[in-house]
Structures are given as structure tokens and as C-alpha cells.
Amino acid sequence: MTSGSAGFVAEGLPAAGQDDAVLPFAVEPLDLRGRLARLGPALDAILTRHAYPEPVARLLGEAAALTVLLGSVLKSGGRFQLQTRTDGLVDMMVVDFDAPDRLRAFARFDAARLPPRGKVDIEPLLGRGHLALTVEQGGEITRYQGVAPIEGGSLEQAAKAYFQQSEQIPTFIRLAAGQIVTPAGAFWRAGGLLAQFLPHSEERRRQADFPPGDAPEDFEPHDWSEDEVWTEAQALAATVEDHELLDPGLSSEGLAYRLFHERGVLVFPAHPLRDACRCSDERVESMLRGFSQAERDDMVGEDGMISVTCEFCSTLRRYDPKDFREK
């Protein structure tokens, strides 16, 4: 088996219930809480629908895995969105997770700048910019957005920076995406592991201070050493391999046991996921009626119709301009 962008050969697809799901787990002796995400048919449908080049599909697959890892904690009716805006070859990605189980995603990229197949490095692909995470829980709860820099690294690094700066929770993240080859064909998969150190003591959660920047010369940062328990937890989590996150023959429960069985791991019911877009005829018609008549006139194509294609699910809808004429 090989990891990352190059797929690997598998004898068959996973059994029902093992894929397109997020599995919560806990390792009580290590004060560890986490989730394992395994994406299969839902992700394959999203990526193949757009026919993305392999490097773009792989990056968007990692973004989808990260999104469901973070968004799956929302209660029914909540919404979580991951968005990147950078100067890279893939200058924008948007992944939406609508609780409890709806996932959609798309990427925008410069096809002319993509190098030949097999010669794409992750840093120019992602570039420099920012990662925005938006949470909408509905009701009277205020919408929240956190932003972290993307500085020529990976989504894993950007997500880690977010948790250090915004949440101040010691966090380990590993993401992987790639294709598997089976007798039935090649299929996209993605996986992710998120593990967080959540001891009862706030002092034990404390992380190292960021560089003080314009602090006075005699400034002395707080003494800080990483908790030994968190050090052990990271060491165990870091043994995960990309191919394990992608392997259709290895269940999430089996992977959690493989990583943490020495300390005892408790798993909880998995949250299923599915490929589903929130666009609809009603939403699109309402959007069109929100434009002025002059703006709608500019949308009319050579065939005399207004055509609207959803960026997420690629559904094409065509409308007669006469139906929107102001009376």
C-alpha cells in the first residue's frame, strides 16, 4: 500500500456502516477525546462529479475530512463551513457540513498553472492565505467565525494553528486522501484523525506562549513544558499512517484500537454522512428574483434562457426570463 496521492490496490469496498461516518472516541487515561473520519462513496461522488485533476481532488478530499471532523459535533440543524482563500494554484475551497449528515464541497483552481501529473507539491498548490471556519448553530446562538493563516504548508498545519491561536486546545490532526483501485474501478477516499487533550485542569491544558513580538527587551516568557500525558498521546496518535486512514478493509473501530489499545480506548456510536447539496429550485428562483430586471436581462444566454449551475453539485437549471418579468 502507498499513501497520499497515489492510490493503492484493495480487494473490495468496505462493508456497510464502515464508511462515510465519523467515529468519536475517548482514551480516559490520557485525558484524550477525538474523532476518526472515513469518507468513501460520498466523497467519490463529490470529486468525480467535477472531474477534478488528481492533485486538486486530493486536496479537496483532505478539506472534506477536516470539515466533518470539526463539524460533526454540531447538533441537528447546525451548519459548519470551511473555506480557504489563498494565492495558490487552488485559490479557493469551500466545504459545507449541514448537521446531522449533509456534506458538499467544491474547489476553484487555475488549470493553466497546474504542472504535469505527478509533479505537484502541496505548498504551491495550497499557497498562502487564510483558513476560515464558520459555525452556525441556529436559534439565538451567535454565528461564530475563526480564521487562521495558511503559510505555505498544509491543511493540517493551518488547522493546528487555528486551535493554538483561537481555541487554545492541544490538538493533533492527521489528514489523508487518495484513490483506491478495486476490481470494480478506482474510487476516491479520505480519512482524518483529530485528537485533543482535555484534562479537567485548565493549567494542564495551557500551551506555550506565542512570540511576544514588540515586548520589551527584559520580557521573560512564562516557563512552560508540555504535559507528559499529552506527549504520550501525541506519540501514539502520530503512529497512524495515511494508508490506514484510507484502507477500506480497516474499520474506524479497528484503527482506534490499533492506535490506543495499550491505554484502553472507548468508542461511541458513529455519525453517518452523505453527499447532499442544499440548492433547490425554490432557492435559485428566489435568488433570481432578488436581482434587478436589468441584471436578469444580462444573464440571458444565446438560447434565450437564464442558465444557473450550482458550484457544489453541478446541477444545471434553466429558466425562461418571461417568468421573472416585473409586472
C-alpha atoms as a PDB file:
ATOM      1  CA  MET A   1       0.000   0.000   0.000  1.00  0.00           C
ATOM      2  CA  THR A   2       1.108   3.557  -0.634  1.00  0.00           C
ATOM      3  CA  SER A   3      -0.190   6.722   0.956  1.00  0.00           C
ATOM      4  CA  GLY A   4      -1.363  10.148  -0.087  1.00  0.00           C
ATOM      5  CA  SER A   5      -1.857  10.997  -3.727  1.00  0.00           C
ATOM      6  CA  ALA A   6      -1.036   7.665  -5.300  1.00  0.00           C
ATOM      7  CA  GLY A   7      -3.865   5.187  -4.769  1.00  0.00           C
ATOM      8  CA  PHE A   8      -3.489   1.615  -3.633  1.00  0.00           C
ATOM      9  CA  VAL A   9      -4.993  -1.695  -4.597  1.00  0.00           C
ATOM     10  CA  ALA A  10      -7.806  -3.132  -2.477  1.00  0.00           C
ATOM     11  CA  GLU A  11      -9.705  -6.378  -2.851  1.00  0.00           C
ATOM     12  CA  GLY A  12     -13.107  -4.805  -2.366  1.00  0.00           C
ATOM     13  CA  LEU A  13     -15.164  -1.984  -0.916  1.00  0.00           C
ATOM     14  CA  PRO A  14     -15.824  -1.687   2.822  1.00  0.00           C
ATOM     15  CA  ALA A  15     -18.833  -3.273   4.463  1.00  0.00           C
ATOM     16  CA  ALA A  16     -21.922  -1.147   5.063  1.00  0.00           C
ATOM     17  CA  GLY A  17     -21.603   1.090   8.101  1.00  0.00           C
ATOM     18  CA  GLN A  18     -17.809   1.354   7.966  1.00  0.00           C
ATOM     19  CA  ASP A  19     -17.656   4.280   5.570  1.00  0.00           C
ATOM     20  CA  ASP A  20     -18.957   7.833   5.237  1.00  0.00           C
ATOM     21  CA  ALA A  21     -19.019   8.231   9.000  1.00  0.00           C
ATOM     22  CA  VAL A  22     -17.290   9.961  11.911  1.00  0.00           C
ATOM     23  CA  LEU A  23     -16.451   7.842  14.956  1.00  0.00           C
ATOM     24  CA  PRO A  24     -15.994   9.626  18.322  1.00  0.00           C
ATOM     25  CA  PHE A  25     -13.629   8.021  20.813  1.00  0.00           C
ATOM     26  CA  ALA A  26     -12.019   8.660  24.179  1.00  0.00           C
ATOM     27  CA  VAL A  27      -8.854   7.473  25.889  1.00  0.00           C
ATOM     28  CA  GLU A  28      -9.593   8.266  29.510  1.00  0.00           C
ATOM     29  CA  PRO A  29      -6.127   7.517  30.990  1.00  0.00           C
ATOM     30  CA  LEU A  30      -4.666  10.110  28.584  1.00  0.00           C
ATOM     31  CA  ASP A  31      -7.459  12.698  29.006  1.00  0.00           C
ATOM     32  CA  LEU A  32      -7.898  12.330  25.257  1.00  0.00           C
ATOM     33  CA  ARG A  33     -11.016  12.943  23.169  1.00  0.00           C
ATOM     34  CA  GLY A  34     -11.090  12.523  19.443  1.00  0.00           C
ATOM     35  CA  ARG A  35     -12.803  11.541  16.225  1.00  0.00           C
ATOM     36  CA  LEU A  36     -11.953   9.401  13.228  1.00  0.00           C
ATOM     37  CA  ALA A  37     -13.460  10.287   9.832  1.00  0.00           C
ATOM     38  CA  ARG A  38     -13.646   7.855   6.932  1.00  0.00           C
ATOM     39  CA  LEU A  39     -15.098   9.114   3.633  1.00  0.00           C
ATOM     40  CA  GLY A  40     -15.833   6.840   0.698  1.00  0.00           C
ATOM     41  CA  PRO A  41     -18.814   6.877  -1.710  1.00  0.00           C
ATOM     42  CA  ALA A  42     -19.965  10.349  -0.626  1.00  0.00           C
ATOM     43  CA  LEU A  43     -16.556  11.871  -1.329  1.00  0.00           C
ATOM     44  CA  ASP A  44     -16.113   9.893  -4.537  1.00  0.00           C
ATOM     45  CA  ALA A  45     -19.412  11.288  -5.821  1.00  0.00           C
ATOM     46  CA  ILE A  46     -18.378  14.857  -4.996  1.00  0.00           C
ATOM     47  CA  LEU A  47     -14.933  14.633  -6.627  1.00  0.00           C
ATOM     48  CA  THR A  48     -15.836  12.635  -9.734  1.00  0.00           C
ATOM     49  CA  ARG A  49     -18.838  14.870 -10.407  1.00  0.00           C
ATOM     50  CA  HIS A  50     -16.435  17.766 -11.017  1.00  0.00           C
ATOM     51  CA  ALA A  51     -13.718  15.667 -12.687  1.00  0.00           C
ATOM     52  CA  TYR A  52     -11.042  17.497 -10.703  1.00  0.00           C
ATOM     53  CA  PRO A  53      -7.382  16.871 -11.591  1.00  0.00           C
ATOM     54  CA  GLU A  54      -5.816  14.406  -9.151  1.00  0.00           C
ATOM     55  CA  PRO A  55      -3.886  16.981  -7.025  1.00  0.00           C
ATOM     56  CA  VAL A  56      -6.962  19.197  -6.672  1.00  0.00           C
ATOM     57  CA  ALA A  57      -9.203  16.251  -5.795  1.00  0.00           C
ATOM     58  CA  ARG A  58      -6.723  15.069  -3.172  1.00  0.00           C
ATOM     59  CA  LEU A  59      -6.546  18.499  -1.510  1.00  0.00           C
ATOM     60  CA  LEU A  60     -10.329  18.908  -1.519  1.00  0.00           C
ATOM     61  CA  GLY A  61     -10.648  15.392  -0.087  1.00  0.00           C
ATOM     62  CA  GLU A  62      -8.429  16.401   2.834  1.00  0.00           C
ATOM     63  CA  ALA A  63     -10.528  19.546   3.320  1.00  0.00           C
ATOM     64  CA  ALA A  64     -13.703  17.448   3.393  1.00  0.00           C
ATOM     65  CA  ALA A  65     -12.194  15.118   6.008  1.00  0.00           C
ATOM     66  CA  LEU A  66     -11.167  18.088   8.159  1.00  0.00           C
ATOM     67  CA  THR A  67     -14.623  19.639   7.842  1.00  0.00           C
ATOM     68  CA  VAL A  68     -16.513  16.573   9.040  1.00  0.00           C
ATOM     69  CA  LEU A  69     -14.024  16.078  11.897  1.00  0.00           C
ATOM     70  CA  LEU A  70     -14.791  19.579  13.138  1.00  0.00           C
ATOM     71  CA  GLY A  71     -18.436  19.926  12.131  1.00  0.00           C
ATOM     72  CA  SER A  72     -19.774  16.584  13.313  1.00  0.00           C
ATOM     73  CA  VAL A  73     -20.015  17.864  16.908  1.00  0.00           C
ATOM     74  CA  LEU A  74     -22.926  20.128  15.913  1.00  0.00           C
ATOM     75  CA  LYS A  75     -26.442  19.230  16.909  1.00  0.00           C
ATOM     76  CA  SER A  76     -29.152  18.696  14.323  1.00  0.00           C
ATOM     77  CA  GLY A  77     -29.824  21.889  12.389  1.00  0.00           C
ATOM     78  CA  GLY A  78     -26.376  23.397  12.808  1.00  0.00           C
ATOM     79  CA  ARG A  79     -24.088  24.326   9.948  1.00  0.00           C
ATOM     80  CA  PHE A  80     -20.304  24.282   9.684  1.00  0.00           C
ATOM     81  CA  GLN A  81     -18.286  25.689   6.792  1.00  0.00           C
ATOM     82  CA  LEU A  82     -14.602  25.500   5.944  1.00  0.00           C
ATOM     83  CA  GLN A  83     -13.277  27.995   3.404  1.00  0.00           C
ATOM     84  CA  THR A  84      -9.774  28.714   2.134  1.00  0.00           C
ATOM     85  CA  ARG A  85      -8.679  31.765   0.164  1.00  0.00           C
ATOM     86  CA  THR A  86      -5.052  31.750  -0.953  1.00  0.00           C
ATOM     87  CA  ASP A  87      -2.645  32.702  -3.725  1.00  0.00           C
ATOM     88  CA  GLY A  88      -2.035  29.025  -4.542  1.00  0.00           C
ATOM     89  CA  LEU A  89      -2.967  27.013  -7.616  1.00  0.00           C
ATOM     90  CA  VAL A  90      -6.144  26.088  -5.736  1.00  0.00           C
ATOM     91  CA  ASP A  91      -7.119  29.599  -4.703  1.00  0.00           C
ATOM     92  CA  MET A  92     -10.417  28.709  -3.024  1.00  0.00           C
ATOM     93  CA  MET A  93     -12.084  25.711  -1.424  1.00  0.00           C
ATOM     94  CA  VAL A  94     -15.473  25.629   0.265  1.00  0.00           C
ATOM     95  CA  VAL A  95     -16.789  22.651   2.214  1.00  0.00           C
ATOM     96  CA  ASP A  96     -20.206  22.739   3.906  1.00  0.00           C
ATOM     97  CA  PHE A  97     -21.411  20.335   6.572  1.00  0.00           C
ATOM     98  CA  ASP A  98     -25.100  20.640   7.453  1.00  0.00           C
ATOM     99  CA  ALA A  99     -25.866  18.702  10.629  1.00  0.00           C
ATOM    100  CA  PRO A 100     -26.555  15.970  11.119  1.00  0.00           C
ATOM    101  CA  ASP A 101     -25.191  14.399   7.940  1.00  0.00           C
ATOM    102  CA  ARG A 102     -25.117  16.528   4.751  1.00  0.00           C
ATOM    103  CA  LEU A 103     -21.785  17.211   3.045  1.00  0.00           C
ATOM    104  CA  ARG A 104     -20.951  19.219  -0.075  1.00  0.00           C
ATOM    105  CA  ALA A 105     -17.746  20.769  -1.435  1.00  0.00           C
ATOM    106  CA  PHE A 106     -16.101  22.494  -4.364  1.00  0.00           C
ATOM    107  CA  ALA A 107     -12.691  23.898  -5.305  1.00  0.00           C
ATOM    108  CA  ARG A 108     -11.598  26.670  -7.651  1.00  0.00           C
ATOM    109  CA  PHE A 109      -8.227  26.289  -9.336  1.00  0.00           C
ATOM    110  CA  ASP A 110      -6.086  27.578 -12.182  1.00  0.00           C
ATOM    111  CA  ALA A 111      -5.819  24.678 -14.617  1.00  0.00           C
ATOM    112  CA  ALA A 112      -3.260  26.531 -16.743  1.00  0.00           C
ATOM    113  CA  ARG A 113      -0.821  26.700 -13.818  1.00  0.00           C
ATOM    114  CA  LEU A 114      -1.048  23.048 -12.815  1.00  0.00           C
ATOM    115  CA  PRO A 115       2.246  21.256 -13.544  1.00  0.00           C
ATOM    116  CA  PRO A 116       2.361  17.829 -15.202  1.00  0.00           C
ATOM    117  CA  ARG A 117       0.799  14.907 -13.364  1.00  0.00           C
ATOM    118  CA  GLY A 118       2.912  13.573 -10.542  1.00  0.00           C
ATOM    119  CA  LYS A 119       4.962  16.771 -10.113  1.00  0.00           C
ATOM    120  CA  VAL A 120       2.695  18.789  -7.831  1.00  0.00           C
ATOM    121  CA  ASP A 121       3.995  19.835  -4.418  1.00  0.00           C
ATOM    122  CA  ILE A 122       1.439  20.656  -1.727  1.00  0.00           C
ATOM    123  CA  GLU A 123       2.785  24.115  -0.843  1.00  0.00           C
ATOM    124  CA  PRO A 124       2.299  25.884  -4.206  1.00  0.00           C
ATOM    125  CA  LEU A 125      -0.975  24.007  -4.583  1.00  0.00           C
ATOM    126  CA  LEU A 126      -2.385  25.464  -1.372  1.00  0.00           C
ATOM    127  CA  GLY A 127      -0.311  28.656  -1.310  1.00  0.00           C
ATOM    128  CA  ARG A 128      -0.529  31.392   1.304  1.00  0.00           C
ATOM    129  CA  GLY A 129      -3.689  32.978   2.608  1.00  0.00           C
ATOM    130  CA  HIS A 130      -6.202  32.073   5.274  1.00  0.00           C
ATOM    131  CA  LEU A 131      -8.444  29.305   6.536  1.00  0.00           C
ATOM    132  CA  ALA A 132     -11.878  30.379   7.800  1.00  0.00           C
ATOM    133  CA  LEU A 133     -14.089  28.147   9.935  1.00  0.00           C
ATOM    134  CA  THR A 134     -17.699  29.257  10.385  1.00  0.00           C
ATOM    135  CA  VAL A 135     -20.222  27.789  12.820  1.00  0.00           C
ATOM    136  CA  GLU A 136     -23.955  28.499  12.708  1.00  0.00           C
ATOM    137  CA  GLN A 137     -25.901  26.635  15.402  1.00  0.00           C
ATOM    138  CA  GLY A 138     -29.231  28.270  14.665  1.00  0.00           C
ATOM    139  CA  GLY A 139     -31.742  29.844  17.003  1.00  0.00           C
ATOM    140  CA  GLU A 140     -30.450  32.732  19.104  1.00  0.00           C
ATOM    141  CA  ILE A 141     -26.870  31.457  19.196  1.00  0.00           C
ATOM    142  CA  THR A 142     -24.491  33.962  17.607  1.00  0.00           C
ATOM    143  CA  ARG A 143     -22.728  32.951  14.409  1.00  0.00           C
ATOM    144  CA  TYR A 144     -19.027  32.297  15.029  1.00  0.00           C
ATOM    145  CA  GLN A 145     -16.081  32.500  12.659  1.00  0.00           C
ATOM    146  CA  GLY A 146     -12.449  31.680  13.368  1.00  0.00           C
ATOM    147  CA  VAL A 147      -9.595  32.491  10.994  1.00  0.00           C
ATOM    148  CA  ALA A 148      -6.104  31.013  10.827  1.00  0.00           C
ATOM    149  CA  PRO A 149      -3.219  31.727   8.433  1.00  0.00           C
ATOM    150  CA  ILE A 150      -2.166  29.343   5.701  1.00  0.00           C
ATOM    151  CA  GLU A 151       1.535  29.961   5.287  1.00  0.00           C
ATOM    152  CA  GLY A 152       2.766  27.704   2.541  1.00  0.00           C
ATOM    153  CA  GLY A 153       2.153  24.472   4.407  1.00  0.00           C
ATOM    154  CA  SER A 154      -0.719  22.009   4.643  1.00  0.00           C
ATOM    155  CA  LEU A 155      -4.279  21.999   5.896  1.00  0.00           C
ATOM    156  CA  GLU A 156      -3.064  20.026   8.890  1.00  0.00           C
ATOM    157  CA  GLN A 157      -0.671  22.842   9.812  1.00  0.00           C
ATOM    158  CA  ALA A 158      -3.324  25.527   9.281  1.00  0.00           C
ATOM    159  CA  ALA A 159      -5.818  23.648  11.454  1.00  0.00           C
ATOM    160  CA  LYS A 160      -3.232  23.193  14.182  1.00  0.00           C
ATOM    161  CA  ALA A 161      -2.502  26.932  14.086  1.00  0.00           C
ATOM    162  CA  TYR A 162      -6.232  27.618  14.450  1.00  0.00           C
ATOM    163  CA  PHE A 163      -6.510  25.508  17.591  1.00  0.00           C
ATOM    164  CA  GLN A 164      -3.372  27.062  19.071  1.00  0.00           C
ATOM    165  CA  GLN A 165      -4.485  30.639  18.455  1.00  0.00           C
ATOM    166  CA  SER A 166      -8.276  30.537  18.693  1.00  0.00           C
ATOM    167  CA  GLU A 167      -9.265  27.566  20.825  1.00  0.00           C
ATOM    168  CA  GLN A 168      -6.038  27.100  22.815  1.00  0.00           C
ATOM    169  CA  ILE A 169      -6.660  23.355  22.964  1.00  0.00           C
ATOM    170  CA  PRO A 170      -3.702  20.999  22.408  1.00  0.00           C
ATOM    171  CA  THR A 171      -4.732  19.240  19.203  1.00  0.00           C
ATOM    172  CA  PHE A 172      -3.312  16.587  16.888  1.00  0.00           C
ATOM    173  CA  ILE A 173      -4.646  16.315  13.323  1.00  0.00           C
ATOM    174  CA  ARG A 174      -3.760  13.924  10.512  1.00  0.00           C
ATOM    175  CA  LEU A 175      -5.459  14.003   7.095  1.00  0.00           C
ATOM    176  CA  ALA A 176      -5.147  11.791   4.019  1.00  0.00           C
ATOM    177  CA  ALA A 177      -6.901  11.458   0.669  1.00  0.00           C
ATOM    178  CA  GLY A 178      -6.291   9.281  -2.361  1.00  0.00           C
ATOM    179  CA  GLN A 179      -7.730   6.726  -4.730  1.00  0.00           C
ATOM    180  CA  ILE A 180      -8.065   3.003  -4.232  1.00  0.00           C
ATOM    181  CA  VAL A 181      -8.196   0.577  -7.122  1.00  0.00           C
ATOM    182  CA  THR A 182     -10.634  -2.339  -6.918  1.00  0.00           C
ATOM    183  CA  PRO A 183     -11.928  -4.834  -9.480  1.00  0.00           C
ATOM    184  CA  ALA A 184     -14.920  -2.501  -9.847  1.00  0.00           C
ATOM    185  CA  GLY A 185     -12.736   0.534 -10.648  1.00  0.00           C
ATOM    186  CA  ALA A 186     -10.900   3.393  -8.934  1.00  0.00           C
ATOM    187  CA  PHE A 187     -12.603   5.259  -6.112  1.00  0.00           C
ATOM    188  CA  TRP A 188     -11.712   8.349  -4.066  1.00  0.00           C
ATOM    189  CA  ARG A 189     -11.393   8.069  -0.306  1.00  0.00           C
ATOM    190  CA  ALA A 190     -10.306  10.326   2.531  1.00  0.00           C
ATOM    191  CA  GLY A 191      -9.682   9.903   6.222  1.00  0.00           C
ATOM    192  CA  GLY A 192      -8.807  12.030   9.202  1.00  0.00           C
ATOM    193  CA  LEU A 193      -7.844  11.744  12.837  1.00  0.00           C
ATOM    194  CA  LEU A 194      -8.429  14.508  15.378  1.00  0.00           C
ATOM    195  CA  ALA A 195      -7.237  14.046  18.968  1.00  0.00           C
ATOM    196  CA  GLN A 196      -7.470  16.703  21.692  1.00  0.00           C
ATOM    197  CA  PHE A 197      -6.006  16.889  25.173  1.00  0.00           C
ATOM    198  CA  LEU A 198      -8.852  17.816  27.510  1.00  0.00           C
ATOM    199  CA  PRO A 199      -7.812  17.330  31.146  1.00  0.00           C
ATOM    200  CA  HIS A 200     -10.032  18.710  33.902  1.00  0.00           C
ATOM    201  CA  SER A 201      -7.303  21.134  34.976  1.00  0.00           C
ATOM    202  CA  GLU A 202      -7.093  24.271  32.842  1.00  0.00           C
ATOM    203  CA  GLU A 203      -3.445  24.637  33.855  1.00  0.00           C
ATOM    204  CA  ARG A 204      -2.623  21.276  32.272  1.00  0.00           C
ATOM    205  CA  ARG A 205      -4.203  22.429  29.001  1.00  0.00           C
ATOM    206  CA  ARG A 206      -2.010  25.529  28.809  1.00  0.00           C
ATOM    207  CA  GLN A 207       0.192  25.782  25.725  1.00  0.00           C
ATOM    208  CA  ALA A 208       3.396  27.682  25.045  1.00  0.00           C
ATOM    209  CA  ASP A 209       3.041  31.449  24.584  1.00  0.00           C
ATOM    210  CA  PHE A 210       3.357  32.866  21.094  1.00  0.00           C
ATOM    211  CA  PRO A 211       6.440  35.015  20.404  1.00  0.00           C
ATOM    212  CA  PRO A 212       5.762  38.362  22.108  1.00  0.00           C
ATOM    213  CA  GLY A 213       6.638  40.474  19.044  1.00  0.00           C
ATOM    214  CA  ASP A 214       7.042  44.055  20.347  1.00  0.00           C
ATOM    215  CA  ALA A 215       7.535  43.073  24.016  1.00  0.00           C
ATOM    216  CA  PRO A 216      10.268  44.977  25.953  1.00  0.00           C
ATOM    217  CA  GLU A 217      13.800  43.587  25.990  1.00  0.00           C
ATOM    218  CA  ASP A 218      13.548  42.407  29.605  1.00  0.00           C
ATOM    219  CA  PHE A 219      10.352  40.418  28.905  1.00  0.00           C
ATOM    220  CA  GLU A 220      10.564  36.821  30.079  1.00  0.00           C
ATOM    221  CA  PRO A 221       8.020  34.325  28.720  1.00  0.00           C
ATOM    222  CA  HIS A 222       6.239  32.002  31.114  1.00  0.00           C
ATOM    223  CA  ASP A 223       8.009  28.787  31.949  1.00  0.00           C
ATOM    224  CA  TRP A 224       6.259  26.019  30.069  1.00  0.00           C
ATOM    225  CA  SER A 225       6.793  22.351  29.471  1.00  0.00           C
ATOM    226  CA  GLU A 226       4.460  20.037  27.626  1.00  0.00           C
ATOM    227  CA  ASP A 227       2.375  17.710  29.771  1.00  0.00           C
ATOM    228  CA  GLU A 228       3.869  14.217  29.778  1.00  0.00           C
ATOM    229  CA  VAL A 229       0.463  12.635  29.253  1.00  0.00           C
ATOM    230  CA  TRP A 230      -0.168  14.778  26.163  1.00  0.00           C
ATOM    231  CA  THR A 231       3.307  13.920  24.905  1.00  0.00           C
ATOM    232  CA  GLU A 232       2.416  10.227  25.141  1.00  0.00           C
ATOM    233  CA  ALA A 233      -0.962  10.775  23.489  1.00  0.00           C
ATOM    234  CA  GLN A 234       0.649  12.579  20.540  1.00  0.00           C
ATOM    235  CA  ALA A 235       3.245   9.847  20.188  1.00  0.00           C
ATOM    236  CA  LEU A 236       0.531   7.200  19.907  1.00  0.00           C
ATOM    237  CA  ALA A 237      -1.610   9.274  17.518  1.00  0.00           C
ATOM    238  CA  ALA A 238       1.411  10.039  15.331  1.00  0.00           C
ATOM    239  CA  THR A 239       1.874   6.350  14.549  1.00  0.00           C
ATOM    240  CA  VAL A 240      -1.149   6.491  12.236  1.00  0.00           C
ATOM    241  CA  GLU A 241      -0.223   6.076   8.572  1.00  0.00           C
ATOM    242  CA  ASP A 242      -2.003   7.595   5.593  1.00  0.00           C
ATOM    243  CA  HIS A 243      -2.776   4.162   4.184  1.00  0.00           C
ATOM    244  CA  GLU A 244      -4.519   3.224   7.441  1.00  0.00           C
ATOM    245  CA  LEU A 245      -6.827   6.217   7.137  1.00  0.00           C
ATOM    246  CA  LEU A 246      -7.655   5.205   3.563  1.00  0.00           C
ATOM    247  CA  ASP A 247      -7.768   1.414   3.875  1.00  0.00           C
ATOM    248  CA  PRO A 248     -11.339   0.194   3.153  1.00  0.00           C
ATOM    249  CA  GLY A 249     -10.551  -3.074   4.894  1.00  0.00           C
ATOM    250  CA  LEU A 250      -9.757  -1.405   8.218  1.00  0.00           C
ATOM    251  CA  SER A 251     -12.738  -0.138  10.230  1.00  0.00           C
ATOM    252  CA  SER A 252     -12.564   3.040  12.275  1.00  0.00           C
ATOM    253  CA  GLU A 253     -13.081   0.961  15.410  1.00  0.00           C
ATOM    254  CA  GLY A 254     -10.194  -1.264  14.398  1.00  0.00           C
ATOM    255  CA  LEU A 255      -7.961   1.729  13.733  1.00  0.00           C
ATOM    256  CA  ALA A 256      -8.828   3.341  17.089  1.00  0.00           C
ATOM    257  CA  TYR A 257      -7.935   0.079  18.824  1.00  0.00           C
ATOM    258  CA  ARG A 258      -4.708  -0.242  16.834  1.00  0.00           C
ATOM    259  CA  LEU A 259      -3.599   3.242  17.911  1.00  0.00           C
ATOM    260  CA  PHE A 260      -4.650   3.373  21.544  1.00  0.00           C
ATOM    261  CA  HIS A 261      -5.307  -0.172  22.821  1.00  0.00           C
ATOM    262  CA  GLU A 262      -2.321  -0.013  25.187  1.00  0.00           C
ATOM    263  CA  ARG A 263      -4.130   2.661  27.202  1.00  0.00           C
ATOM    264  CA  GLY A 264      -7.695   1.485  26.592  1.00  0.00           C
ATOM    265  CA  VAL A 265      -9.934   3.242  24.058  1.00  0.00           C
ATOM    266  CA  LEU A 266     -13.683   3.762  24.296  1.00  0.00           C
ATOM    267  CA  VAL A 267     -15.649   4.317  21.078  1.00  0.00           C
ATOM    268  CA  PHE A 268     -19.109   5.836  20.718  1.00  0.00           C
ATOM    269  CA  PRO A 269     -21.809   5.460  18.042  1.00  0.00           C
ATOM    270  CA  ALA A 270     -20.631   6.709  14.654  1.00  0.00           C
ATOM    271  CA  HIS A 271     -22.292   9.645  12.884  1.00  0.00           C
ATOM    272  CA  PRO A 272     -23.199   8.771   9.260  1.00  0.00           C
ATOM    273  CA  LEU A 273     -22.571  11.229   6.406  1.00  0.00           C
ATOM    274  CA  ARG A 274     -23.913  11.647   2.889  1.00  0.00           C
ATOM    275  CA  ASP A 275     -23.342  13.681  -0.241  1.00  0.00           C
ATOM    276  CA  ALA A 276     -26.189  16.198  -0.350  1.00  0.00           C
ATOM    277  CA  CYS A 277     -26.460  19.756  -1.661  1.00  0.00           C
ATOM    278  CA  ARG A 278     -28.736  22.379  -0.164  1.00  0.00           C
ATOM    279  CA  CYS A 279     -29.548  24.001  -3.527  1.00  0.00           C
ATOM    280  CA  SER A 280     -33.133  23.734  -4.811  1.00  0.00           C
ATOM    281  CA  ASP A 281     -35.405  25.186  -7.483  1.00  0.00           C
ATOM    282  CA  GLU A 282     -37.020  27.399  -4.847  1.00  0.00           C
ATOM    283  CA  ARG A 283     -33.684  28.789  -3.623  1.00  0.00           C
ATOM    284  CA  VAL A 284     -32.443  29.557  -7.124  1.00  0.00           C
ATOM    285  CA  GLU A 285     -35.714  31.168  -8.185  1.00  0.00           C
ATOM    286  CA  SER A 286     -35.699  33.309  -5.063  1.00  0.00           C
ATOM    287  CA  MET A 287     -32.113  34.352  -5.807  1.00  0.00           C
ATOM    288  CA  LEU A 288     -33.018  35.360  -9.369  1.00  0.00           C
ATOM    289  CA  ARG A 289     -35.959  37.423  -8.166  1.00  0.00           C
ATOM    290  CA  GLY A 290     -33.552  39.283  -5.909  1.00  0.00           C
ATOM    291  CA  PHE A 291     -31.756  40.746  -8.941  1.00  0.00           C
ATOM    292  CA  SER A 292     -32.958  43.777 -10.849  1.00  0.00           C
ATOM    293  CA  GLN A 293     -34.604  43.351 -14.215  1.00  0.00           C
ATOM    294  CA  ALA A 294     -31.522  44.783 -15.931  1.00  0.00           C
ATOM    295  CA  GLU A 295     -29.293  42.264 -14.157  1.00  0.00           C
ATOM    296  CA  ARG A 296     -31.539  39.375 -15.173  1.00  0.00           C
ATOM    297  CA  ASP A 297     -31.527  40.622 -18.775  1.00  0.00           C
ATOM    298  CA  ASP A 298     -27.717  40.383 -18.736  1.00  0.00           C
ATOM    299  CA  MET A 299     -27.987  36.734 -17.659  1.00  0.00           C
ATOM    300  CA  VAL A 300     -29.947  35.649 -20.720  1.00  0.00           C
ATOM    301  CA  GLY A 301     -27.885  33.347 -22.917  1.00  0.00           C
ATOM    302  CA  GLU A 302     -27.818  32.859 -26.681  1.00  0.00           C
ATOM    303  CA  ASP A 303     -30.615  30.321 -26.343  1.00  0.00           C
ATOM    304  CA  GLY A 304     -32.870  32.931 -24.765  1.00  0.00           C
ATOM    305  CA  MET A 305     -32.810  31.245 -21.359  1.00  0.00           C
ATOM    306  CA  ILE A 306     -31.234  32.002 -17.979  1.00  0.00           C
ATOM    307  CA  SER A 307     -28.927  29.137 -17.017  1.00  0.00           C
ATOM    308  CA  VAL A 308     -27.718  28.595 -13.431  1.00  0.00           C
ATOM    309  CA  THR A 309     -25.243  25.879 -12.468  1.00  0.00           C
ATOM    310  CA  CYS A 310     -24.662  25.039  -8.801  1.00  0.00           C
ATOM    311  CA  GLU A 311     -20.941  25.210  -7.971  1.00  0.00           C
ATOM    312  CA  PHE A 312     -21.310  22.388  -5.467  1.00  0.00           C
ATOM    313  CA  CYS A 313     -23.413  19.704  -7.154  1.00  0.00           C
ATOM    314  CA  SER A 314     -23.087  20.904 -10.792  1.00  0.00           C
ATOM    315  CA  THR A 315     -26.875  20.783 -11.262  1.00  0.00           C
ATOM    316  CA  LEU A 316     -27.882  22.908 -14.265  1.00  0.00           C
ATOM    317  CA  ARG A 317     -31.182  24.755 -14.055  1.00  0.00           C
ATOM    318  CA  ARG A 318     -32.656  26.727 -16.956  1.00  0.00           C
ATOM    319  CA  TYR A 319     -35.332  29.399 -16.634  1.00  0.00           C
ATOM    320  CA  ASP A 320     -37.489  31.371 -19.038  1.00  0.00           C
ATOM    321  CA  PRO A 321     -36.811  35.109 -18.487  1.00  0.00           C
ATOM    322  CA  LYS A 322     -40.510  35.791 -19.059  1.00  0.00           C
ATOM    323  CA  ASP A 323     -41.288  34.098 -15.746  1.00  0.00           C
ATOM    324  CA  PHE A 324     -39.357  36.802 -13.915  1.00  0.00           C
ATOM    325  CA  ARG A 325     -40.632  39.861 -15.750  1.00  0.00           C
ATOM    326  CA  GLU A 326     -41.715  42.632 -13.414  1.00  0.00           C
ATOM    327  CA  LYS A 327     -45.387  43.371 -13.787  1.00  0.00           C
END
